[in-house]
Amino acid sequence: MSAMETPTEEQLAIVEKQLGRMPRGVLEIAYTTPDGQPAVVTTAPKLDDGTPFPTLYYLTDPRLTAEASRLEVAQVMKWMEARLGTDPELKADYEAAHRHYLDKRNSIEDLGTDFSGGGMPDRVKCLHVLIAYALAEGPGRVRLGTEAVALAAEHGDLRGTAIPADWPSLADLGISLDQAGEGLA
């Protein structure tokens, strides 16, 4: 995890290339990869034209977005959501992450809603949001995000390039590719 930084013109040009369009509402680079690419941006809760944009952390690096999509196709979200219904500690962590996300976004501008992102606090709807959130805030802020990043590191072989080499491993977290999704191992 890197410190937040105001984006330079060069970084914004990289993000534009990553997205295939001009980035909107970028306030900061929230995470830069170990190999130097901006990968998560903090976005304004409202775009310049006034459109609400509740996604605080937006994943931009194509390696990470592609791996998040592969994990979604493998039904990782279904596995994570099922655990929310059976693991009270995991549920409490997810609810705390939801509140923190809202507090952080509302400190920039309050949208007057309790919608955060990724399905929080009751569902797991988008791994892109969870991965962006975890990378921006670091391991430990949102357990399911920490797990999603570890899954991406292992399954996508992204450790040390797009994901920090010292990010908790699947073994550290007590999970495996086999249990997390269909056809991941």
C-alpha atoms as a PDB file:
ATOM      1  CA  MET A   1       0.000   0.000   0.000  1.00  0.00           C
ATOM      2  CA  SER A   2       1.331   3.404  -0.859  1.00  0.00           C
ATOM      3  CA  ALA A   3       0.456   6.750   0.667  1.00  0.00           C
ATOM      4  CA  MET A   4      -2.277   8.759  -1.000  1.00  0.00           C
ATOM      5  CA  GLU A   5      -0.962  11.242  -3.485  1.00  0.00           C
ATOM      6  CA  THR A   6      -2.439  13.972  -5.652  1.00  0.00           C
ATOM      7  CA  PRO A   7      -2.331  12.661  -9.216  1.00  0.00           C
ATOM      8  CA  THR A   8       0.179  14.107 -11.628  1.00  0.00           C
ATOM      9  CA  GLU A   9      -0.685  14.727 -15.272  1.00  0.00           C
ATOM     10  CA  GLU A  10       1.440  11.691 -16.150  1.00  0.00           C
ATOM     11  CA  GLN A  11      -0.498   9.470 -13.713  1.00  0.00           C
ATOM     12  CA  LEU A  12      -3.832  10.736 -15.024  1.00  0.00           C
ATOM     13  CA  ALA A  13      -2.669   9.945 -18.570  1.00  0.00           C
ATOM     14  CA  ILE A  14      -1.810   6.393 -17.454  1.00  0.00           C
ATOM     15  CA  VAL A  15      -5.217   6.033 -15.765  1.00  0.00           C
ATOM     16  CA  GLU A  16      -6.895   7.310 -18.936  1.00  0.00           C
ATOM     17  CA  LYS A  17      -5.058   4.666 -20.945  1.00  0.00           C
ATOM     18  CA  GLN A  18      -5.936   1.989 -18.377  1.00  0.00           C
ATOM     19  CA  LEU A  19      -9.637   2.893 -18.500  1.00  0.00           C
ATOM     20  CA  GLY A  20      -9.824   3.674 -22.198  1.00  0.00           C
ATOM     21  CA  ARG A  21     -11.500   6.969 -21.341  1.00  0.00           C
ATOM     22  CA  MET A  22     -10.844  10.214 -19.501  1.00  0.00           C
ATOM     23  CA  PRO A  23     -10.971   9.535 -15.740  1.00  0.00           C
ATOM     24  CA  ARG A  24     -13.679  11.429 -13.890  1.00  0.00           C
ATOM     25  CA  GLY A  25     -13.644  12.857 -10.396  1.00  0.00           C
ATOM     26  CA  VAL A  26     -10.157  11.651  -9.478  1.00  0.00           C
ATOM     27  CA  LEU A  27      -9.033  13.201  -6.196  1.00  0.00           C
ATOM     28  CA  GLU A  28      -6.024  11.054  -5.375  1.00  0.00           C
ATOM     29  CA  ILE A  29      -4.018   8.032  -6.378  1.00  0.00           C
ATOM     30  CA  ALA A  30      -4.981   5.718  -3.522  1.00  0.00           C
ATOM     31  CA  TYR A  31      -2.707   2.830  -4.472  1.00  0.00           C
ATOM     32  CA  THR A  32       0.314   2.469  -6.715  1.00  0.00           C
ATOM     33  CA  THR A  33       1.550  -1.006  -7.660  1.00  0.00           C
ATOM     34  CA  PRO A  34       5.004  -2.270  -6.696  1.00  0.00           C
ATOM     35  CA  ASP A  35       5.992  -1.858 -10.364  1.00  0.00           C
ATOM     36  CA  GLY A  36       4.961   1.811 -10.287  1.00  0.00           C
ATOM     37  CA  GLN A  37       1.535   1.910 -11.931  1.00  0.00           C
ATOM     38  CA  PRO A  38      -1.399   3.861 -10.490  1.00  0.00           C
ATOM     39  CA  ALA A  39      -3.964   1.159  -9.770  1.00  0.00           C
ATOM     40  CA  VAL A  40      -6.658   2.598  -7.478  1.00  0.00           C
ATOM     41  CA  VAL A  41      -7.995   6.138  -7.541  1.00  0.00           C
ATOM     42  CA  THR A  42     -10.042   7.923  -4.909  1.00  0.00           C
ATOM     43  CA  THR A  43     -12.996   9.536  -6.623  1.00  0.00           C
ATOM     44  CA  ALA A  44     -15.190  12.447  -5.650  1.00  0.00           C
ATOM     45  CA  PRO A  45     -18.610  11.433  -4.357  1.00  0.00           C
ATOM     46  CA  LYS A  46     -20.102  13.758  -6.981  1.00  0.00           C
ATOM     47  CA  LEU A  47     -18.709  14.227 -10.448  1.00  0.00           C
ATOM     48  CA  ASP A  48     -18.141  17.698 -11.892  1.00  0.00           C
ATOM     49  CA  ASP A  49     -21.602  17.653 -13.489  1.00  0.00           C
ATOM     50  CA  GLY A  50     -23.221  16.843 -10.108  1.00  0.00           C
ATOM     51  CA  THR A  51     -23.822  13.165 -10.840  1.00  0.00           C
ATOM     52  CA  PRO A  52     -23.525  11.104  -7.648  1.00  0.00           C
ATOM     53  CA  PHE A  53     -20.613   8.651  -7.813  1.00  0.00           C
ATOM     54  CA  PRO A  54     -20.638   6.586  -4.611  1.00  0.00           C
ATOM     55  CA  THR A  55     -17.613   4.437  -5.527  1.00  0.00           C
ATOM     56  CA  LEU A  56     -14.898   5.915  -3.326  1.00  0.00           C
ATOM     57  CA  TYR A  57     -12.082   3.665  -4.555  1.00  0.00           C
ATOM     58  CA  TYR A  58     -11.990   2.781  -8.238  1.00  0.00           C
ATOM     59  CA  LEU A  59      -9.786  -0.022  -9.568  1.00  0.00           C
ATOM     60  CA  THR A  60      -7.959   1.021 -12.747  1.00  0.00           C
ATOM     61  CA  ASP A  61      -5.027  -1.343 -13.370  1.00  0.00           C
ATOM     62  CA  PRO A  62      -6.056  -3.772 -16.161  1.00  0.00           C
ATOM     63  CA  ARG A  63      -4.196  -6.669 -14.543  1.00  0.00           C
ATOM     64  CA  LEU A  64      -6.226  -6.230 -11.375  1.00  0.00           C
ATOM     65  CA  THR A  65      -9.546  -5.552 -13.098  1.00  0.00           C
ATOM     66  CA  ALA A  66      -9.101  -8.644 -15.292  1.00  0.00           C
ATOM     67  CA  GLU A  67      -8.289 -10.822 -12.295  1.00  0.00           C
ATOM     68  CA  ALA A  68     -11.236  -9.423 -10.321  1.00  0.00           C
ATOM     69  CA  SER A  69     -13.471 -10.371 -13.250  1.00  0.00           C
ATOM     70  CA  ARG A  70     -11.988 -13.895 -13.398  1.00  0.00           C
ATOM     71  CA  LEU A  71     -12.621 -14.333  -9.677  1.00  0.00           C
ATOM     72  CA  GLU A  72     -16.197 -13.122 -10.108  1.00  0.00           C
ATOM     73  CA  VAL A  73     -16.775 -15.636 -12.920  1.00  0.00           C
ATOM     74  CA  ALA A  74     -15.451 -18.355 -10.595  1.00  0.00           C
ATOM     75  CA  GLN A  75     -18.237 -17.509  -8.102  1.00  0.00           C
ATOM     76  CA  VAL A  76     -15.916 -16.200  -5.372  1.00  0.00           C
ATOM     77  CA  MET A  77     -18.567 -13.653  -4.357  1.00  0.00           C
ATOM     78  CA  LYS A  78     -21.090 -16.444  -3.740  1.00  0.00           C
ATOM     79  CA  TRP A  79     -18.585 -18.218  -1.469  1.00  0.00           C
ATOM     80  CA  MET A  80     -17.836 -15.002   0.430  1.00  0.00           C
ATOM     81  CA  GLU A  81     -21.496 -14.062   0.821  1.00  0.00           C
ATOM     82  CA  ALA A  82     -22.410 -17.515   2.139  1.00  0.00           C
ATOM     83  CA  ARG A  83     -19.779 -17.060   4.844  1.00  0.00           C
ATOM     84  CA  LEU A  84     -21.325 -13.740   5.900  1.00  0.00           C
ATOM     85  CA  GLY A  85     -24.407 -15.703   6.953  1.00  0.00           C
ATOM     86  CA  THR A  86     -22.494 -18.203   9.087  1.00  0.00           C
ATOM     87  CA  ASP A  87     -19.505 -16.309  10.520  1.00  0.00           C
ATOM     88  CA  PRO A  88     -20.481 -13.556  12.994  1.00  0.00           C
ATOM     89  CA  GLU A  89     -16.924 -12.164  13.173  1.00  0.00           C
ATOM     90  CA  LEU A  90     -16.719 -11.892   9.395  1.00  0.00           C
ATOM     91  CA  LYS A  91     -20.143 -10.224   9.304  1.00  0.00           C
ATOM     92  CA  ALA A  92     -19.079  -7.724  11.998  1.00  0.00           C
ATOM     93  CA  ASP A  93     -15.865  -6.970  10.080  1.00  0.00           C
ATOM     94  CA  TYR A  94     -17.840  -6.364   6.884  1.00  0.00           C
ATOM     95  CA  GLU A  95     -20.291  -4.065   8.679  1.00  0.00           C
ATOM     96  CA  ALA A  96     -17.385  -2.111  10.222  1.00  0.00           C
ATOM     97  CA  ALA A  97     -15.764  -1.820   6.787  1.00  0.00           C
ATOM     98  CA  HIS A  98     -19.072  -0.516   5.405  1.00  0.00           C
ATOM     99  CA  ARG A  99     -19.297   2.151   8.136  1.00  0.00           C
ATOM    100  CA  HIS A 100     -15.656   3.168   7.608  1.00  0.00           C
ATOM    101  CA  TYR A 101     -16.201   3.449   3.843  1.00  0.00           C
ATOM    102  CA  LEU A 102     -19.232   5.692   4.400  1.00  0.00           C
ATOM    103  CA  ASP A 103     -17.406   7.826   6.967  1.00  0.00           C
ATOM    104  CA  LYS A 104     -14.444   8.262   4.644  1.00  0.00           C
ATOM    105  CA  ARG A 105     -16.609   9.135   1.631  1.00  0.00           C
ATOM    106  CA  ASN A 106     -18.859  11.424   3.682  1.00  0.00           C
ATOM    107  CA  SER A 107     -15.809  13.289   4.973  1.00  0.00           C
ATOM    108  CA  ILE A 108     -15.267  14.340   1.349  1.00  0.00           C
ATOM    109  CA  GLU A 109     -18.934  14.971   0.555  1.00  0.00           C
ATOM    110  CA  ASP A 110     -22.046  13.414   2.060  1.00  0.00           C
ATOM    111  CA  LEU A 111     -24.325  11.885  -0.563  1.00  0.00           C
ATOM    112  CA  GLY A 112     -27.100  11.460   1.992  1.00  0.00           C
ATOM    113  CA  THR A 113     -27.222   7.704   1.436  1.00  0.00           C
ATOM    114  CA  ASP A 114     -26.052   4.649   3.313  1.00  0.00           C
ATOM    115  CA  PHE A 115     -25.080   2.881   0.078  1.00  0.00           C
ATOM    116  CA  SER A 116     -21.364   2.229   0.152  1.00  0.00           C
ATOM    117  CA  GLY A 117     -20.116  -0.196  -2.475  1.00  0.00           C
ATOM    118  CA  GLY A 118     -19.626  -3.786  -3.471  1.00  0.00           C
ATOM    119  CA  GLY A 119     -22.854  -4.874  -1.772  1.00  0.00           C
ATOM    120  CA  MET A 120     -21.729  -3.898   1.733  1.00  0.00           C
ATOM    121  CA  PRO A 121     -22.832  -4.585   4.401  1.00  0.00           C
ATOM    122  CA  ASP A 122     -25.098  -7.528   3.529  1.00  0.00           C
ATOM    123  CA  ARG A 123     -23.963  -8.839   0.149  1.00  0.00           C
ATOM    124  CA  VAL A 124     -20.799  -9.370  -1.823  1.00  0.00           C
ATOM    125  CA  LYS A 125     -21.631  -7.907  -5.196  1.00  0.00           C
ATOM    126  CA  CYS A 126     -18.387  -6.619  -6.732  1.00  0.00           C
ATOM    127  CA  LEU A 127     -14.840  -7.852  -6.188  1.00  0.00           C
ATOM    128  CA  HIS A 128     -13.472  -4.846  -8.087  1.00  0.00           C
ATOM    129  CA  VAL A 129     -14.728  -2.613  -5.255  1.00  0.00           C
ATOM    130  CA  LEU A 130     -13.421  -4.923  -2.517  1.00  0.00           C
ATOM    131  CA  ILE A 131      -9.998  -5.237  -4.127  1.00  0.00           C
ATOM    132  CA  ALA A 132      -9.748  -1.472  -4.657  1.00  0.00           C
ATOM    133  CA  TYR A 133     -10.853  -0.810  -1.062  1.00  0.00           C
ATOM    134  CA  ALA A 134      -8.375  -3.307   0.384  1.00  0.00           C
ATOM    135  CA  LEU A 135      -5.455  -2.059  -1.705  1.00  0.00           C
ATOM    136  CA  ALA A 136      -6.220   1.582  -0.860  1.00  0.00           C
ATOM    137  CA  GLU A 137      -6.614   0.956   2.880  1.00  0.00           C
ATOM    138  CA  GLY A 138      -4.235  -1.976   3.347  1.00  0.00           C
ATOM    139  CA  PRO A 139      -4.734  -5.509   4.618  1.00  0.00           C
ATOM    140  CA  GLY A 140      -6.895  -5.705   7.686  1.00  0.00           C
ATOM    141  CA  ARG A 141      -9.438  -2.969   6.897  1.00  0.00           C
ATOM    142  CA  VAL A 142     -11.899  -5.315   5.204  1.00  0.00           C
ATOM    143  CA  ARG A 143     -11.302  -9.050   5.599  1.00  0.00           C
ATOM    144  CA  LEU A 144     -13.125 -10.032   2.398  1.00  0.00           C
ATOM    145  CA  GLY A 145     -11.125  -7.457   0.465  1.00  0.00           C
ATOM    146  CA  THR A 146      -7.888  -8.747   1.968  1.00  0.00           C
ATOM    147  CA  GLU A 147      -8.926 -12.243   0.875  1.00  0.00           C
ATOM    148  CA  ALA A 148      -9.879 -11.062  -2.622  1.00  0.00           C
ATOM    149  CA  VAL A 149      -6.466  -9.423  -3.064  1.00  0.00           C
ATOM    150  CA  ALA A 150      -4.735 -12.598  -1.820  1.00  0.00           C
ATOM    151  CA  LEU A 151      -6.791 -14.673  -4.266  1.00  0.00           C
ATOM    152  CA  ALA A 152      -5.851 -12.308  -7.104  1.00  0.00           C
ATOM    153  CA  ALA A 153      -2.186 -12.452  -6.081  1.00  0.00           C
ATOM    154  CA  GLU A 154      -2.165 -16.242  -6.151  1.00  0.00           C
ATOM    155  CA  HIS A 155      -4.523 -17.015  -9.023  1.00  0.00           C
ATOM    156  CA  GLY A 156      -3.294 -14.199 -11.258  1.00  0.00           C
ATOM    157  CA  ASP A 157       0.362 -14.489 -10.253  1.00  0.00           C
ATOM    158  CA  LEU A 158       0.368 -10.770  -9.424  1.00  0.00           C
ATOM    159  CA  ARG A 159       2.369 -10.783  -6.180  1.00  0.00           C
ATOM    160  CA  GLY A 160       5.257  -8.336  -6.376  1.00  0.00           C
ATOM    161  CA  THR A 161       4.060  -6.666  -9.596  1.00  0.00           C
ATOM    162  CA  ALA A 162       0.467  -5.455  -9.183  1.00  0.00           C
ATOM    163  CA  ILE A 163       0.101  -6.585  -5.553  1.00  0.00           C
ATOM    164  CA  PRO A 164       2.615  -6.031  -2.736  1.00  0.00           C
ATOM    165  CA  ALA A 165       4.944  -8.978  -2.152  1.00  0.00           C
ATOM    166  CA  ASP A 166       4.158  -8.830   1.566  1.00  0.00           C
ATOM    167  CA  TRP A 167       0.347  -8.958   1.176  1.00  0.00           C
ATOM    168  CA  PRO A 168      -1.081 -11.760   3.361  1.00  0.00           C
ATOM    169  CA  SER A 169      -1.058 -15.066   1.514  1.00  0.00           C
ATOM    170  CA  LEU A 170      -3.923 -17.516   1.203  1.00  0.00           C
ATOM    171  CA  ALA A 171      -2.144 -19.712   3.765  1.00  0.00           C
ATOM    172  CA  ASP A 172      -1.841 -16.724   6.137  1.00  0.00           C
ATOM    173  CA  LEU A 173      -5.595 -16.207   5.801  1.00  0.00           C
ATOM    174  CA  GLY A 174      -6.487 -19.893   6.125  1.00  0.00           C
ATOM    175  CA  ILE A 175      -8.176 -20.129   2.738  1.00  0.00           C
ATOM    176  CA  SER A 176      -7.415 -21.859  -0.543  1.00  0.00           C
ATOM    177  CA  LEU A 177      -8.158 -21.457  -4.226  1.00  0.00           C
ATOM    178  CA  ASP A 178     -10.066 -24.771  -4.102  1.00  0.00           C
ATOM    179  CA  GLN A 179     -12.563 -23.577  -1.523  1.00  0.00           C
ATOM    180  CA  ALA A 180     -12.915 -20.023  -2.834  1.00  0.00           C
ATOM    181  CA  GLY A 181     -14.263 -20.600  -6.307  1.00  0.00           C
ATOM    182  CA  GLU A 182     -15.008 -22.885  -9.188  1.00  0.00           C
ATOM    183  CA  GLY A 183     -11.992 -23.944 -11.210  1.00  0.00           C
ATOM    184  CA  LEU A 184      -9.488 -21.624  -9.506  1.00  0.00           C
ATOM    185  CA  ALA A 185      -6.987 -24.291  -8.428  1.00  0.00           C
END
